[in-house]
Amino acid sequence: MTKADIVARISEKLGMEKGDVQATVESFMSEVKNSLESGDNVYLRGFGSFIIKKRAEKTGRNISKNTTIKIPAHNIPAFKPAKVFVEGVKTNVEVK
């Protein structure tokens, strides 16, 4: 499913214009991104949490030059689904 698919479905369900729904979805994503970039987590009850995970410093390999490189500690965005969300997927989606 793409962002355009989400906008189309919400537009059909709510009877709103696609342009308005598109602006709302874009604003939501922008606010989540801005919040994470400023160091704040986003908690959506019943859906999940957009959180910042810390990655420790580690040693990696540059295979083409056969050298060792140091990868510094850094933060990455992550999504942790709520328990009800996980249970819904487990019960409603068949294993392929």
N, C-alpha and C. Protein backbone atom coordinates (compact mmCIF):
# COMPACT_ATOMS: atom_id res chain seq x y z
N MET A 1 0.85 -1.17 0.00
CA MET A 1 0.00 0.00 0.00
C MET A 1 0.90 1.24 0.00
N THR A 2 0.55 2.19 -0.82
CA THR A 2 1.33 3.42 -0.91
C THR A 2 0.58 4.57 -0.23
N LYS A 3 1.26 5.71 -0.12
CA LYS A 3 0.62 6.88 0.47
C LYS A 3 -0.61 7.28 -0.35
N ALA A 4 -0.52 7.18 -1.66
CA ALA A 4 -1.65 7.52 -2.52
C ALA A 4 -2.84 6.58 -2.25
N ASP A 5 -2.56 5.30 -2.00
CA ASP A 5 -3.63 4.35 -1.67
C ASP A 5 -4.30 4.73 -0.35
N ILE A 6 -3.49 5.11 0.63
CA ILE A 6 -4.03 5.51 1.93
C ILE A 6 -4.92 6.73 1.77
N VAL A 7 -4.44 7.72 1.02
CA VAL A 7 -5.22 8.94 0.79
C VAL A 7 -6.53 8.61 0.10
N ALA A 8 -6.50 7.74 -0.91
CA ALA A 8 -7.72 7.37 -1.64
C ALA A 8 -8.72 6.67 -0.72
N ARG A 9 -8.25 5.74 0.11
CA ARG A 9 -9.17 5.03 1.00
C ARG A 9 -9.80 5.94 2.04
N ILE A 10 -8.99 6.81 2.64
CA ILE A 10 -9.53 7.74 3.64
C ILE A 10 -10.52 8.69 2.98
N SER A 11 -10.19 9.15 1.79
CA SER A 11 -11.08 10.05 1.06
C SER A 11 -12.43 9.40 0.79
N GLU A 12 -12.42 8.13 0.39
CA GLU A 12 -13.67 7.41 0.14
C GLU A 12 -14.47 7.20 1.42
N LYS A 13 -13.79 6.79 2.50
CA LYS A 13 -14.49 6.51 3.76
C LYS A 13 -15.11 7.75 4.37
N LEU A 14 -14.40 8.87 4.31
CA LEU A 14 -14.89 10.08 4.98
C LEU A 14 -15.63 11.02 4.05
N GLY A 15 -15.60 10.78 2.74
CA GLY A 15 -16.27 11.65 1.79
C GLY A 15 -15.58 13.00 1.65
N MET A 16 -14.28 13.04 1.91
CA MET A 16 -13.52 14.28 1.79
C MET A 16 -12.79 14.31 0.45
N GLU A 17 -12.35 15.50 0.06
CA GLU A 17 -11.57 15.62 -1.16
C GLU A 17 -10.18 15.06 -0.93
N LYS A 18 -9.64 14.46 -1.99
CA LYS A 18 -8.31 13.85 -1.89
C LYS A 18 -7.24 14.87 -1.52
N GLY A 19 -7.37 16.07 -2.01
CA GLY A 19 -6.39 17.12 -1.71
C GLY A 19 -6.33 17.44 -0.23
N ASP A 20 -7.50 17.48 0.41
CA ASP A 20 -7.55 17.76 1.86
C ASP A 20 -6.95 16.60 2.65
N VAL A 21 -7.28 15.39 2.24
CA VAL A 21 -6.74 14.21 2.92
C VAL A 21 -5.23 14.13 2.71
N GLN A 22 -4.78 14.43 1.50
CA GLN A 22 -3.35 14.43 1.19
C GLN A 22 -2.61 15.41 2.11
N ALA A 23 -3.16 16.61 2.28
CA ALA A 23 -2.54 17.62 3.14
C ALA A 23 -2.49 17.14 4.58
N THR A 24 -3.55 16.47 5.04
CA THR A 24 -3.60 15.97 6.41
C THR A 24 -2.56 14.88 6.63
N VAL A 25 -2.48 13.94 5.70
CA VAL A 25 -1.50 12.85 5.81
C VAL A 25 -0.08 13.41 5.78
N GLU A 26 0.18 14.35 4.88
CA GLU A 26 1.51 14.97 4.80
C GLU A 26 1.85 15.69 6.10
N SER A 27 0.87 16.41 6.67
CA SER A 27 1.09 17.13 7.93
C SER A 27 1.38 16.16 9.07
N PHE A 28 0.65 15.05 9.12
CA PHE A 28 0.88 14.05 10.15
C PHE A 28 2.31 13.51 10.06
N MET A 29 2.71 13.12 8.86
CA MET A 29 4.05 12.57 8.68
C MET A 29 5.12 13.60 9.00
N SER A 30 4.88 14.84 8.64
CA SER A 30 5.82 15.91 8.94
C SER A 30 5.97 16.12 10.44
N GLU A 31 4.86 16.08 11.17
CA GLU A 31 4.90 16.26 12.62
C GLU A 31 5.63 15.12 13.31
N VAL A 32 5.41 13.89 12.86
CA VAL A 32 6.12 12.74 13.42
C VAL A 32 7.61 12.89 13.16
N LYS A 33 7.97 13.24 11.94
CA LYS A 33 9.38 13.43 11.58
C LYS A 33 10.02 14.54 12.39
N ASN A 34 9.34 15.69 12.50
CA ASN A 34 9.89 16.81 13.26
C ASN A 34 10.06 16.47 14.73
N SER A 35 9.10 15.74 15.28
CA SER A 35 9.18 15.33 16.68
C SER A 35 10.38 14.43 16.92
N LEU A 36 10.58 13.44 16.06
CA LEU A 36 11.72 12.54 16.21
C LEU A 36 13.04 13.28 16.00
N GLU A 37 13.08 14.18 15.03
CA GLU A 37 14.31 14.93 14.78
C GLU A 37 14.67 15.85 15.95
N SER A 38 13.67 16.27 16.74
CA SER A 38 13.94 17.12 17.90
C SER A 38 14.19 16.28 19.16
N GLY A 39 14.16 14.95 19.02
CA GLY A 39 14.49 14.08 20.15
C GLY A 39 13.31 13.57 20.94
N ASP A 40 12.09 13.83 20.49
CA ASP A 40 10.88 13.40 21.19
C ASP A 40 10.28 12.18 20.51
N ASN A 41 9.83 11.21 21.31
CA ASN A 41 9.12 10.05 20.78
C ASN A 41 7.66 10.41 20.55
N VAL A 42 6.98 9.64 19.69
CA VAL A 42 5.56 9.85 19.40
C VAL A 42 4.80 8.59 19.80
N TYR A 43 3.81 8.73 20.68
CA TYR A 43 3.04 7.59 21.18
C TYR A 43 1.59 7.70 20.68
N LEU A 44 1.13 6.68 19.97
CA LEU A 44 -0.24 6.63 19.46
C LEU A 44 -0.92 5.40 20.07
N ARG A 45 -1.72 5.63 21.10
CA ARG A 45 -2.37 4.55 21.84
C ARG A 45 -3.17 3.65 20.91
N GLY A 46 -2.95 2.34 21.02
CA GLY A 46 -3.65 1.36 20.21
C GLY A 46 -3.03 1.13 18.85
N PHE A 47 -2.05 1.94 18.47
CA PHE A 47 -1.39 1.79 17.18
C PHE A 47 0.08 1.44 17.37
N GLY A 48 0.81 2.30 18.06
CA GLY A 48 2.22 2.03 18.31
C GLY A 48 2.98 3.29 18.62
N SER A 49 4.30 3.17 18.68
CA SER A 49 5.16 4.29 19.04
C SER A 49 6.26 4.46 18.00
N PHE A 50 6.48 5.69 17.62
CA PHE A 50 7.63 6.05 16.81
C PHE A 50 8.70 6.50 17.80
N ILE A 51 9.79 5.77 17.86
CA ILE A 51 10.80 6.02 18.89
C ILE A 51 12.17 6.21 18.26
N ILE A 52 13.08 6.73 19.07
CA ILE A 52 14.46 6.90 18.66
C ILE A 52 15.27 5.80 19.33
N LYS A 53 15.95 4.99 18.54
CA LYS A 53 16.82 3.94 19.07
C LYS A 53 18.26 4.38 18.95
N LYS A 54 19.03 4.05 19.97
CA LYS A 54 20.45 4.38 19.96
C LYS A 54 21.24 3.17 19.52
N ARG A 55 22.13 3.36 18.56
CA ARG A 55 23.01 2.30 18.09
C ARG A 55 24.41 2.58 18.66
N ALA A 56 25.00 1.59 19.27
CA ALA A 56 26.33 1.73 19.86
C ALA A 56 27.39 1.78 18.77
N GLU A 57 28.55 2.30 19.13
CA GLU A 57 29.68 2.31 18.21
C GLU A 57 30.09 0.88 17.92
N LYS A 58 30.47 0.62 16.67
CA LYS A 58 30.88 -0.74 16.33
C LYS A 58 31.94 -0.71 15.24
N THR A 59 32.56 -1.84 15.04
CA THR A 59 33.58 -1.98 14.01
C THR A 59 32.97 -2.69 12.81
N GLY A 60 33.21 -2.14 11.62
CA GLY A 60 32.71 -2.74 10.39
C GLY A 60 33.85 -3.04 9.45
N ARG A 61 33.52 -3.58 8.30
CA ARG A 61 34.54 -3.94 7.31
C ARG A 61 34.21 -3.31 5.97
N ASN A 62 35.23 -2.76 5.32
CA ASN A 62 35.11 -2.31 3.95
C ASN A 62 35.64 -3.47 3.10
N ILE A 63 34.74 -4.23 2.52
CA ILE A 63 35.11 -5.46 1.83
C ILE A 63 35.97 -5.17 0.60
N SER A 64 35.66 -4.09 -0.13
CA SER A 64 36.41 -3.81 -1.36
C SER A 64 37.87 -3.46 -1.08
N LYS A 65 38.15 -2.79 0.04
CA LYS A 65 39.53 -2.42 0.38
C LYS A 65 40.13 -3.34 1.43
N ASN A 66 39.32 -4.25 1.95
CA ASN A 66 39.73 -5.20 2.99
C ASN A 66 40.33 -4.47 4.20
N THR A 67 39.59 -3.44 4.66
CA THR A 67 40.03 -2.68 5.82
C THR A 67 38.93 -2.65 6.87
N THR A 68 39.33 -2.33 8.08
CA THR A 68 38.38 -2.20 9.19
C THR A 68 38.04 -0.72 9.34
N ILE A 69 36.74 -0.45 9.53
CA ILE A 69 36.31 0.93 9.75
C ILE A 69 35.53 1.01 11.05
N LYS A 70 35.55 2.19 11.65
CA LYS A 70 34.82 2.41 12.89
C LYS A 70 33.50 3.11 12.55
N ILE A 71 32.39 2.52 12.95
CA ILE A 71 31.07 3.11 12.73
C ILE A 71 30.69 3.79 14.05
N PRO A 72 30.54 5.12 14.06
CA PRO A 72 30.26 5.82 15.31
C PRO A 72 28.86 5.52 15.84
N ALA A 73 28.67 5.78 17.13
CA ALA A 73 27.35 5.63 17.74
C ALA A 73 26.40 6.61 17.05
N HIS A 74 25.14 6.19 16.86
CA HIS A 74 24.17 7.05 16.20
C HIS A 74 22.76 6.67 16.61
N ASN A 75 21.82 7.54 16.30
CA ASN A 75 20.40 7.30 16.58
C ASN A 75 19.68 6.98 15.27
N ILE A 76 18.66 6.11 15.38
CA ILE A 76 17.84 5.80 14.21
C ILE A 76 16.37 5.84 14.62
N PRO A 77 15.47 6.22 13.70
CA PRO A 77 14.05 6.14 14.01
C PRO A 77 13.56 4.70 13.91
N ALA A 78 12.59 4.36 14.75
CA ALA A 78 12.04 3.00 14.73
C ALA A 78 10.56 3.07 15.08
N PHE A 79 9.83 2.02 14.71
CA PHE A 79 8.41 1.92 15.05
C PHE A 79 8.20 0.67 15.88
N LYS A 80 7.52 0.84 17.01
CA LYS A 80 7.19 -0.30 17.85
C LYS A 80 5.67 -0.40 17.91
N PRO A 81 5.08 -1.44 17.32
CA PRO A 81 3.62 -1.55 17.30
C PRO A 81 3.06 -1.87 18.68
N ALA A 82 1.83 -1.41 18.92
CA ALA A 82 1.13 -1.69 20.17
C ALA A 82 0.73 -3.17 20.21
N LYS A 83 0.52 -3.68 21.42
CA LYS A 83 0.17 -5.10 21.58
C LYS A 83 -1.11 -5.46 20.83
N VAL A 84 -2.12 -4.59 20.87
CA VAL A 84 -3.38 -4.90 20.17
C VAL A 84 -3.16 -4.93 18.66
N PHE A 85 -2.27 -4.09 18.17
CA PHE A 85 -1.93 -4.07 16.74
C PHE A 85 -1.25 -5.39 16.36
N VAL A 86 -0.29 -5.82 17.16
CA VAL A 86 0.43 -7.06 16.89
C VAL A 86 -0.53 -8.25 16.93
N GLU A 87 -1.38 -8.30 17.93
CA GLU A 87 -2.34 -9.40 18.04
C GLU A 87 -3.30 -9.42 16.86
N GLY A 88 -3.74 -8.26 16.40
CA GLY A 88 -4.63 -8.18 15.25
C GLY A 88 -3.99 -8.75 14.00
N VAL A 89 -2.72 -8.44 13.79
CA VAL A 89 -2.01 -8.96 12.63
C VAL A 89 -1.81 -10.48 12.77
N LYS A 90 -1.47 -10.93 13.97
CA LYS A 90 -1.26 -12.36 14.18
C LYS A 90 -2.51 -13.17 13.91
N THR A 91 -3.65 -12.66 14.32
CA THR A 91 -4.89 -13.42 14.18
C THR A 91 -5.55 -13.28 12.81
N ASN A 92 -5.32 -12.16 12.12
CA ASN A 92 -6.03 -11.90 10.88
C ASN A 92 -5.23 -12.16 9.60
N VAL A 93 -3.93 -12.26 9.69
CA VAL A 93 -3.10 -12.47 8.51
C VAL A 93 -2.56 -13.88 8.53
N GLU A 94 -2.84 -14.62 7.46
CA GLU A 94 -2.37 -16.00 7.41
C GLU A 94 -0.88 -16.05 7.09
N VAL A 95 -0.23 -17.05 7.60
CA VAL A 95 1.20 -17.25 7.36
C VAL A 95 1.37 -17.83 5.97
N LYS A 96 2.28 -17.24 5.20
CA LYS A 96 2.48 -17.71 3.81
C LYS A 96 3.67 -18.62 3.75
